[in-house]
Amino acid sequence: MEKRHVVRLTDDQRAALEERFAGPLTLRQRNRIQVLLRADRGETDAEIAEGLGISTGTAFNTRRRFAAEGLGASLTERPRSGVPAKLDGKAEAVVIALACSKAPEGRARWTARLLANRLVEMEVVESVSEDTVLRVLKKTRSSRGRSGRGACPRA
């Protein structure tokens, strides 16, 4: 069966890929370069996938993007859809600091709802959900209820 998306690199493209491979790259970029170089040598997607420890779909998609959009597009990430993060690094630090601080009057500990409301009161963000606050605390392995764990261990 004949491949639909055949990779044929020019000498310049091959040299550019090999030069780029020697520099600092992410694992995804390294794999994409290797896919293109191996596909140019005539390896199948299955052989490429087995040799690099990736899925055959990754090899196929890299070849397809090269054939359709060129070398540059096949090596880079497409912009991802979605909304930008509500909390940046500074806001996340405020969440953690609040969670580690003394609980409000009449409360034993901070809840996600209390933290979210307090962030809005402090004008750190215009609005934020409890889930976002919980996600930040999970990322830091914070545990508001257990001593000796997470971002704010109790003495």
N, C-alpha and C. Protein backbone atom coordinates (compact mmCIF):
# COMPACT_ATOMS: atom_id res chain seq x y z
N MET A 1 0.83 -1.18 0.00
CA MET A 1 0.00 0.00 0.00
C MET A 1 0.88 1.25 0.00
N GLU A 2 0.56 2.18 -0.84
CA GLU A 2 1.35 3.39 -1.00
C GLU A 2 0.95 4.43 0.05
N LYS A 3 1.97 5.08 0.62
CA LYS A 3 1.71 6.12 1.62
C LYS A 3 1.17 7.36 0.95
N ARG A 4 0.22 8.00 1.62
CA ARG A 4 -0.33 9.24 1.08
C ARG A 4 0.56 10.44 1.38
N HIS A 5 1.18 10.45 2.55
CA HIS A 5 1.97 11.60 2.98
C HIS A 5 3.45 11.20 3.04
N VAL A 6 4.09 11.24 1.92
CA VAL A 6 5.48 10.83 1.82
C VAL A 6 6.37 12.00 2.21
N VAL A 7 7.40 11.71 3.02
CA VAL A 7 8.34 12.74 3.44
C VAL A 7 9.59 12.65 2.57
N ARG A 8 9.86 13.71 1.84
CA ARG A 8 11.07 13.83 1.02
C ARG A 8 11.76 15.11 1.43
N LEU A 9 12.84 14.98 2.19
CA LEU A 9 13.57 16.14 2.67
C LEU A 9 14.65 16.53 1.66
N THR A 10 14.82 17.83 1.49
CA THR A 10 15.94 18.30 0.68
C THR A 10 17.19 18.22 1.53
N ASP A 11 18.36 18.37 0.91
CA ASP A 11 19.60 18.34 1.66
C ASP A 11 19.65 19.48 2.69
N ASP A 12 19.13 20.63 2.32
CA ASP A 12 19.10 21.77 3.23
C ASP A 12 18.19 21.50 4.43
N GLN A 13 17.02 20.92 4.15
CA GLN A 13 16.09 20.61 5.23
C GLN A 13 16.68 19.57 6.18
N ARG A 14 17.31 18.54 5.62
CA ARG A 14 17.92 17.50 6.44
C ARG A 14 19.03 18.08 7.31
N ALA A 15 19.86 18.94 6.73
CA ALA A 15 20.94 19.56 7.49
C ALA A 15 20.38 20.46 8.60
N ALA A 16 19.31 21.20 8.28
CA ALA A 16 18.70 22.08 9.28
C ALA A 16 18.12 21.26 10.43
N LEU A 17 17.49 20.14 10.11
CA LEU A 17 16.93 19.29 11.17
C LEU A 17 18.02 18.70 12.05
N GLU A 18 19.09 18.22 11.43
CA GLU A 18 20.18 17.63 12.21
C GLU A 18 20.86 18.68 13.08
N GLU A 19 21.00 19.89 12.56
CA GLU A 19 21.60 20.98 13.34
C GLU A 19 20.68 21.36 14.50
N ARG A 20 19.39 21.44 14.21
CA ARG A 20 18.43 21.81 15.25
C ARG A 20 18.35 20.73 16.32
N PHE A 21 18.50 19.48 15.93
CA PHE A 21 18.43 18.37 16.88
C PHE A 21 19.55 18.43 17.91
N ALA A 22 20.68 19.03 17.54
CA ALA A 22 21.82 19.12 18.45
C ALA A 22 21.60 20.16 19.55
N GLY A 23 20.67 21.08 19.34
CA GLY A 23 20.42 22.14 20.32
C GLY A 23 19.40 21.73 21.38
N PRO A 24 19.07 22.67 22.26
CA PRO A 24 18.08 22.37 23.31
C PRO A 24 16.67 22.31 22.73
N LEU A 25 15.97 21.21 22.97
CA LEU A 25 14.63 20.99 22.45
C LEU A 25 13.78 20.27 23.49
N THR A 26 12.47 20.39 23.33
CA THR A 26 11.57 19.59 24.14
C THR A 26 11.52 18.18 23.57
N LEU A 27 10.99 17.25 24.34
CA LEU A 27 10.90 15.87 23.87
C LEU A 27 10.01 15.78 22.64
N ARG A 28 8.93 16.54 22.63
CA ARG A 28 8.04 16.51 21.46
C ARG A 28 8.77 16.99 20.20
N GLN A 29 9.55 18.05 20.33
CA GLN A 29 10.30 18.55 19.17
C GLN A 29 11.32 17.53 18.70
N ARG A 30 12.02 16.90 19.65
CA ARG A 30 13.00 15.87 19.28
C ARG A 30 12.33 14.71 18.54
N ASN A 31 11.18 14.28 19.05
CA ASN A 31 10.47 13.18 18.41
C ASN A 31 10.02 13.56 17.01
N ARG A 32 9.53 14.77 16.83
CA ARG A 32 9.07 15.19 15.50
C ARG A 32 10.23 15.23 14.51
N ILE A 33 11.36 15.74 14.94
CA ILE A 33 12.54 15.77 14.07
C ILE A 33 12.93 14.34 13.69
N GLN A 34 12.96 13.45 14.68
CA GLN A 34 13.34 12.06 14.42
C GLN A 34 12.34 11.40 13.48
N VAL A 35 11.05 11.69 13.65
CA VAL A 35 10.03 11.12 12.76
C VAL A 35 10.31 11.53 11.33
N LEU A 36 10.57 12.81 11.11
CA LEU A 36 10.82 13.29 9.74
C LEU A 36 12.08 12.68 9.15
N LEU A 37 13.14 12.61 9.95
CA LEU A 37 14.40 12.04 9.44
C LEU A 37 14.23 10.55 9.11
N ARG A 38 13.56 9.82 9.99
CA ARG A 38 13.36 8.38 9.75
C ARG A 38 12.40 8.13 8.59
N ALA A 39 11.35 8.95 8.49
CA ALA A 39 10.39 8.80 7.38
C ALA A 39 11.09 9.09 6.06
N ASP A 40 12.01 10.03 6.06
CA ASP A 40 12.77 10.35 4.85
C ASP A 40 13.63 9.16 4.43
N ARG A 41 14.11 8.39 5.42
CA ARG A 41 14.91 7.20 5.12
C ARG A 41 14.05 6.03 4.67
N GLY A 42 12.73 6.17 4.74
CA GLY A 42 11.84 5.12 4.25
C GLY A 42 11.26 4.22 5.31
N GLU A 43 11.44 4.54 6.59
CA GLU A 43 10.87 3.69 7.64
C GLU A 43 9.35 3.88 7.68
N THR A 44 8.67 2.83 8.10
CA THR A 44 7.21 2.90 8.23
C THR A 44 6.85 3.56 9.56
N ASP A 45 5.59 3.95 9.68
CA ASP A 45 5.13 4.55 10.94
C ASP A 45 5.32 3.61 12.12
N ALA A 46 5.06 2.33 11.91
CA ALA A 46 5.21 1.35 12.99
C ALA A 46 6.66 1.24 13.44
N GLU A 47 7.58 1.23 12.49
CA GLU A 47 9.01 1.16 12.84
C GLU A 47 9.46 2.42 13.57
N ILE A 48 9.00 3.56 13.08
CA ILE A 48 9.34 4.84 13.73
C ILE A 48 8.80 4.86 15.15
N ALA A 49 7.53 4.49 15.30
CA ALA A 49 6.88 4.52 16.61
C ALA A 49 7.58 3.59 17.59
N GLU A 50 7.92 2.41 17.14
CA GLU A 50 8.60 1.46 18.03
C GLU A 50 9.99 1.96 18.41
N GLY A 51 10.70 2.52 17.46
CA GLY A 51 12.05 3.02 17.73
C GLY A 51 12.09 4.22 18.66
N LEU A 52 11.06 5.07 18.59
CA LEU A 52 11.05 6.29 19.41
C LEU A 52 10.19 6.16 20.67
N GLY A 53 9.40 5.10 20.75
CA GLY A 53 8.53 4.95 21.90
C GLY A 53 7.34 5.89 21.85
N ILE A 54 6.81 6.15 20.65
CA ILE A 54 5.65 7.00 20.47
C ILE A 54 4.56 6.19 19.79
N SER A 55 3.39 6.77 19.64
CA SER A 55 2.31 6.05 18.95
C SER A 55 2.46 6.20 17.44
N THR A 56 1.86 5.27 16.71
CA THR A 56 1.91 5.37 15.25
C THR A 56 1.13 6.59 14.78
N GLY A 57 0.12 6.99 15.53
CA GLY A 57 -0.65 8.19 15.20
C GLY A 57 0.21 9.45 15.23
N THR A 58 1.13 9.52 16.18
CA THR A 58 2.03 10.67 16.27
C THR A 58 2.92 10.73 15.03
N ALA A 59 3.45 9.59 14.64
CA ALA A 59 4.30 9.55 13.45
C ALA A 59 3.48 9.95 12.21
N PHE A 60 2.27 9.41 12.09
CA PHE A 60 1.42 9.73 10.95
C PHE A 60 1.08 11.21 10.93
N ASN A 61 0.68 11.76 12.06
CA ASN A 61 0.29 13.17 12.11
C ASN A 61 1.46 14.09 11.79
N THR A 62 2.65 13.75 12.21
CA THR A 62 3.83 14.56 11.90
C THR A 62 4.11 14.53 10.40
N ARG A 63 4.04 13.34 9.80
CA ARG A 63 4.23 13.24 8.36
C ARG A 63 3.16 14.02 7.61
N ARG A 64 1.91 13.91 8.05
CA ARG A 64 0.80 14.59 7.39
C ARG A 64 0.98 16.11 7.46
N ARG A 65 1.37 16.63 8.62
CA ARG A 65 1.57 18.08 8.74
C ARG A 65 2.74 18.55 7.88
N PHE A 66 3.78 17.73 7.78
CA PHE A 66 4.90 18.09 6.92
C PHE A 66 4.44 18.18 5.48
N ALA A 67 3.68 17.19 5.03
CA ALA A 67 3.21 17.17 3.65
C ALA A 67 2.26 18.32 3.34
N ALA A 68 1.41 18.66 4.29
CA ALA A 68 0.39 19.68 4.06
C ALA A 68 0.88 21.10 4.30
N GLU A 69 1.71 21.28 5.35
CA GLU A 69 2.04 22.64 5.79
C GLU A 69 3.52 22.98 5.76
N GLY A 70 4.37 22.00 5.54
CA GLY A 70 5.79 22.29 5.45
C GLY A 70 6.56 21.95 6.72
N LEU A 71 7.85 22.18 6.65
CA LEU A 71 8.77 21.79 7.72
C LEU A 71 8.49 22.54 9.02
N GLY A 72 8.37 23.85 8.95
CA GLY A 72 8.17 24.64 10.17
C GLY A 72 6.93 24.25 10.94
N ALA A 73 5.83 24.05 10.24
CA ALA A 73 4.56 23.70 10.89
C ALA A 73 4.61 22.30 11.50
N SER A 74 5.36 21.40 10.89
CA SER A 74 5.40 20.03 11.40
C SER A 74 6.20 19.92 12.69
N LEU A 75 7.02 20.92 13.00
CA LEU A 75 7.86 20.86 14.20
C LEU A 75 7.29 21.65 15.38
N THR A 76 6.32 22.50 15.13
CA THR A 76 5.83 23.38 16.19
C THR A 76 4.42 22.99 16.63
N GLU A 77 4.05 23.49 17.79
CA GLU A 77 2.71 23.26 18.33
C GLU A 77 1.73 24.22 17.69
N ARG A 78 0.55 23.76 17.44
CA ARG A 78 -0.53 24.66 17.03
C ARG A 78 -1.04 25.37 18.26
N PRO A 79 -1.54 26.59 18.10
CA PRO A 79 -2.13 27.26 19.26
C PRO A 79 -3.31 26.45 19.78
N ARG A 80 -3.40 26.37 21.07
CA ARG A 80 -4.49 25.60 21.68
C ARG A 80 -5.67 26.52 21.95
N SER A 81 -6.84 25.97 21.75
CA SER A 81 -8.04 26.75 22.01
C SER A 81 -8.29 26.79 23.51
N GLY A 82 -9.17 27.65 23.89
CA GLY A 82 -9.53 27.72 25.30
C GLY A 82 -9.27 29.08 25.88
N VAL A 83 -9.67 29.24 27.09
CA VAL A 83 -9.55 30.50 27.79
C VAL A 83 -8.22 30.54 28.53
N PRO A 84 -7.57 31.70 28.56
CA PRO A 84 -6.34 31.80 29.34
C PRO A 84 -6.60 31.53 30.83
N ALA A 85 -5.59 31.12 31.53
CA ALA A 85 -5.72 30.78 32.95
C ALA A 85 -6.21 32.00 33.74
N LYS A 86 -7.11 31.76 34.68
CA LYS A 86 -7.64 32.83 35.53
C LYS A 86 -6.57 33.34 36.50
N LEU A 87 -5.79 32.41 37.03
CA LEU A 87 -4.81 32.76 38.05
C LEU A 87 -3.39 32.64 37.49
N ASP A 88 -2.64 33.72 37.58
CA ASP A 88 -1.23 33.66 37.19
C ASP A 88 -0.42 33.23 38.41
N GLY A 89 0.88 33.27 38.31
CA GLY A 89 1.74 32.82 39.40
C GLY A 89 1.55 33.61 40.68
N LYS A 90 1.39 34.91 40.56
CA LYS A 90 1.20 35.75 41.75
C LYS A 90 -0.12 35.44 42.44
N ALA A 91 -1.17 35.29 41.65
CA ALA A 91 -2.48 34.97 42.22
C ALA A 91 -2.46 33.60 42.88
N GLU A 92 -1.77 32.65 42.28
CA GLU A 92 -1.65 31.33 42.88
C GLU A 92 -0.92 31.41 44.22
N ALA A 93 0.10 32.27 44.28
CA ALA A 93 0.83 32.45 45.54
C ALA A 93 -0.09 33.03 46.61
N VAL A 94 -0.98 33.93 46.22
CA VAL A 94 -1.93 34.51 47.17
C VAL A 94 -2.87 33.43 47.68
N VAL A 95 -3.34 32.55 46.79
CA VAL A 95 -4.23 31.45 47.20
C VAL A 95 -3.53 30.58 48.23
N ILE A 96 -2.30 30.22 47.96
CA ILE A 96 -1.55 29.35 48.89
C ILE A 96 -1.31 30.06 50.21
N ALA A 97 -0.94 31.34 50.15
CA ALA A 97 -0.71 32.10 51.38
C ALA A 97 -1.99 32.18 52.21
N LEU A 98 -3.12 32.43 51.55
CA LEU A 98 -4.39 32.47 52.27
C LEU A 98 -4.71 31.12 52.90
N ALA A 99 -4.53 30.05 52.13
CA ALA A 99 -4.84 28.71 52.64
C ALA A 99 -3.97 28.36 53.84
N CYS A 100 -2.78 28.92 53.89
CA CYS A 100 -1.86 28.63 54.99
C CYS A 100 -2.06 29.59 56.17
N SER A 101 -2.82 30.64 55.97
CA SER A 101 -3.03 31.61 57.04
C SER A 101 -4.12 31.10 57.99
N LYS A 102 -4.30 31.85 59.07
CA LYS A 102 -5.32 31.50 60.05
C LYS A 102 -6.70 31.61 59.41
N ALA A 103 -7.56 30.67 59.72
CA ALA A 103 -8.91 30.65 59.15
C ALA A 103 -9.71 31.86 59.65
N PRO A 104 -10.72 32.26 58.89
CA PRO A 104 -11.54 33.40 59.32
C PRO A 104 -12.23 33.14 60.67
N GLU A 105 -12.64 34.22 61.31
CA GLU A 105 -13.32 34.15 62.60
C GLU A 105 -14.52 33.20 62.51
N GLY A 106 -14.62 32.29 63.46
CA GLY A 106 -15.74 31.37 63.51
C GLY A 106 -15.59 30.15 62.62
N ARG A 107 -14.48 29.99 61.95
CA ARG A 107 -14.24 28.84 61.08
C ARG A 107 -13.03 28.06 61.56
N ALA A 108 -13.10 26.75 61.41
CA ALA A 108 -11.97 25.90 61.80
C ALA A 108 -10.87 25.92 60.74
N ARG A 109 -11.28 26.02 59.47
CA ARG A 109 -10.31 26.03 58.38
C ARG A 109 -10.90 26.73 57.17
N TRP A 110 -10.04 27.02 56.21
CA TRP A 110 -10.48 27.64 54.95
C TRP A 110 -11.18 26.60 54.09
N THR A 111 -12.23 27.00 53.41
CA THR A 111 -12.86 26.15 52.40
C THR A 111 -12.55 26.77 51.03
N ALA A 112 -12.76 26.01 49.99
CA ALA A 112 -12.51 26.52 48.65
C ALA A 112 -13.41 27.72 48.36
N ARG A 113 -14.65 27.66 48.81
CA ARG A 113 -15.58 28.77 48.59
C ARG A 113 -15.10 30.03 49.32
N LEU A 114 -14.66 29.87 50.57
CA LEU A 114 -14.15 31.02 51.32
C LEU A 114 -12.92 31.61 50.64
N LEU A 115 -12.03 30.76 50.18
CA LEU A 115 -10.82 31.24 49.49
C LEU A 115 -11.18 31.99 48.22
N ALA A 116 -12.10 31.44 47.44
CA ALA A 116 -12.51 32.09 46.19
C ALA A 116 -13.15 33.45 46.48
N ASN A 117 -14.03 33.50 47.48
CA ASN A 117 -14.66 34.78 47.84
C ASN A 117 -13.64 35.79 48.34
N ARG A 118 -12.68 35.33 49.10
CA ARG A 118 -11.65 36.24 49.64
C ARG A 118 -10.77 36.80 48.50
N LEU A 119 -10.46 35.99 47.51
CA LEU A 119 -9.68 36.48 46.36
C LEU A 119 -10.42 37.59 45.62
N VAL A 120 -11.73 37.44 45.51
CA VAL A 120 -12.53 38.47 44.85
C VAL A 120 -12.57 39.73 45.72
N GLU A 121 -12.74 39.56 47.03
CA GLU A 121 -12.75 40.70 47.95
C GLU A 121 -11.43 41.47 47.90
N MET A 122 -10.33 40.73 47.81
CA MET A 122 -9.00 41.36 47.78
C MET A 122 -8.69 41.95 46.41
N GLU A 123 -9.58 41.74 45.45
CA GLU A 123 -9.42 42.21 44.08
C GLU A 123 -8.18 41.62 43.39
N VAL A 124 -7.87 40.37 43.75
CA VAL A 124 -6.80 39.64 43.07
C VAL A 124 -7.30 39.25 41.69
N VAL A 125 -8.55 38.83 41.61
CA VAL A 125 -9.21 38.49 40.35
C VAL A 125 -10.63 39.04 40.39
N GLU A 126 -11.21 39.19 39.20
CA GLU A 126 -12.58 39.68 39.12
C GLU A 126 -13.57 38.61 39.57
N SER A 127 -13.32 37.37 39.15
CA SER A 127 -14.13 36.23 39.58
C SER A 127 -13.29 34.97 39.45
N VAL A 128 -13.59 34.00 40.30
CA VAL A 128 -12.87 32.73 40.27
C VAL A 128 -13.77 31.66 40.87
N SER A 129 -13.69 30.47 40.32
CA SER A 129 -14.52 29.38 40.83
C SER A 129 -13.79 28.61 41.92
N GLU A 130 -14.58 27.89 42.68
CA GLU A 130 -14.00 27.04 43.73
C GLU A 130 -13.12 25.96 43.11
N ASP A 131 -13.52 25.47 41.95
CA ASP A 131 -12.74 24.43 41.27
C ASP A 131 -11.35 24.93 40.91
N THR A 132 -11.26 26.18 40.47
CA THR A 132 -9.96 26.75 40.13
C THR A 132 -9.08 26.82 41.37
N VAL A 133 -9.66 27.25 42.48
CA VAL A 133 -8.91 27.32 43.74
C VAL A 133 -8.44 25.93 44.14
N LEU A 134 -9.33 24.95 44.04
CA LEU A 134 -8.95 23.58 44.40
C LEU A 134 -7.85 23.04 43.50
N ARG A 135 -7.91 23.39 42.21
CA ARG A 135 -6.88 22.95 41.27
C ARG A 135 -5.52 23.52 41.66
N VAL A 136 -5.49 24.79 42.08
CA VAL A 136 -4.22 25.40 42.51
C VAL A 136 -3.69 24.70 43.74
N LEU A 137 -4.58 24.43 44.69
CA LEU A 137 -4.14 23.77 45.92
C LEU A 137 -3.70 22.34 45.66
N LYS A 138 -4.35 21.67 44.72
CA LYS A 138 -3.95 20.31 44.38
C LYS A 138 -2.57 20.31 43.73
N LYS A 139 -2.33 21.32 42.89
CA LYS A 139 -1.05 21.43 42.21
C LYS A 139 0.09 21.57 43.21
N THR A 140 -0.16 22.25 44.32
CA THR A 140 0.88 22.46 45.33
C THR A 140 0.87 21.37 46.38
N ARG A 141 0.00 20.41 46.21
CA ARG A 141 -0.16 19.31 47.17
C ARG A 141 -0.51 19.85 48.54
N SER A 142 -1.26 20.93 48.56
CA SER A 142 -1.67 21.54 49.81
C SER A 142 -2.79 20.73 50.44
N SER A 143 -2.74 20.63 51.74
CA SER A 143 -3.81 19.96 52.47
C SER A 143 -4.19 20.85 53.63
N ARG A 144 -5.38 21.42 53.55
CA ARG A 144 -5.80 22.36 54.59
C ARG A 144 -6.12 21.66 55.90
N GLY A 145 -6.39 20.37 55.85
CA GLY A 145 -6.86 19.69 57.06
C GLY A 145 -5.84 18.83 57.76
N ARG A 146 -4.79 18.44 57.08
CA ARG A 146 -3.82 17.51 57.68
C ARG A 146 -2.54 18.24 58.01
N SER A 147 -1.98 17.93 59.15
CA SER A 147 -0.72 18.56 59.55
C SER A 147 0.45 17.82 58.89
N GLY A 148 1.48 18.56 58.60
CA GLY A 148 2.69 17.97 58.06
C GLY A 148 2.63 17.64 56.57
N ARG A 149 1.59 18.08 55.87
CA ARG A 149 1.45 17.78 54.45
C ARG A 149 1.25 19.05 53.65
N GLY A 150 1.72 19.07 52.45
CA GLY A 150 1.38 20.11 51.49
C GLY A 150 2.15 21.40 51.64
N ALA A 151 1.57 22.47 51.13
CA ALA A 151 2.24 23.76 51.04
C ALA A 151 2.38 24.44 52.38
N CYS A 152 1.53 24.14 53.32
CA CYS A 152 1.57 24.84 54.60
C CYS A 152 1.56 23.86 55.76
N PRO A 153 2.67 23.15 55.99
CA PRO A 153 2.70 22.19 57.09
C PRO A 153 2.60 22.93 58.42
N ARG A 154 1.89 22.35 59.34
CA ARG A 154 1.76 22.95 60.67
C ARG A 154 2.89 22.44 61.55
N ALA A 155 3.36 23.31 62.40
CA ALA A 155 4.49 22.98 63.27
C ALA A 155 4.09 22.07 64.39
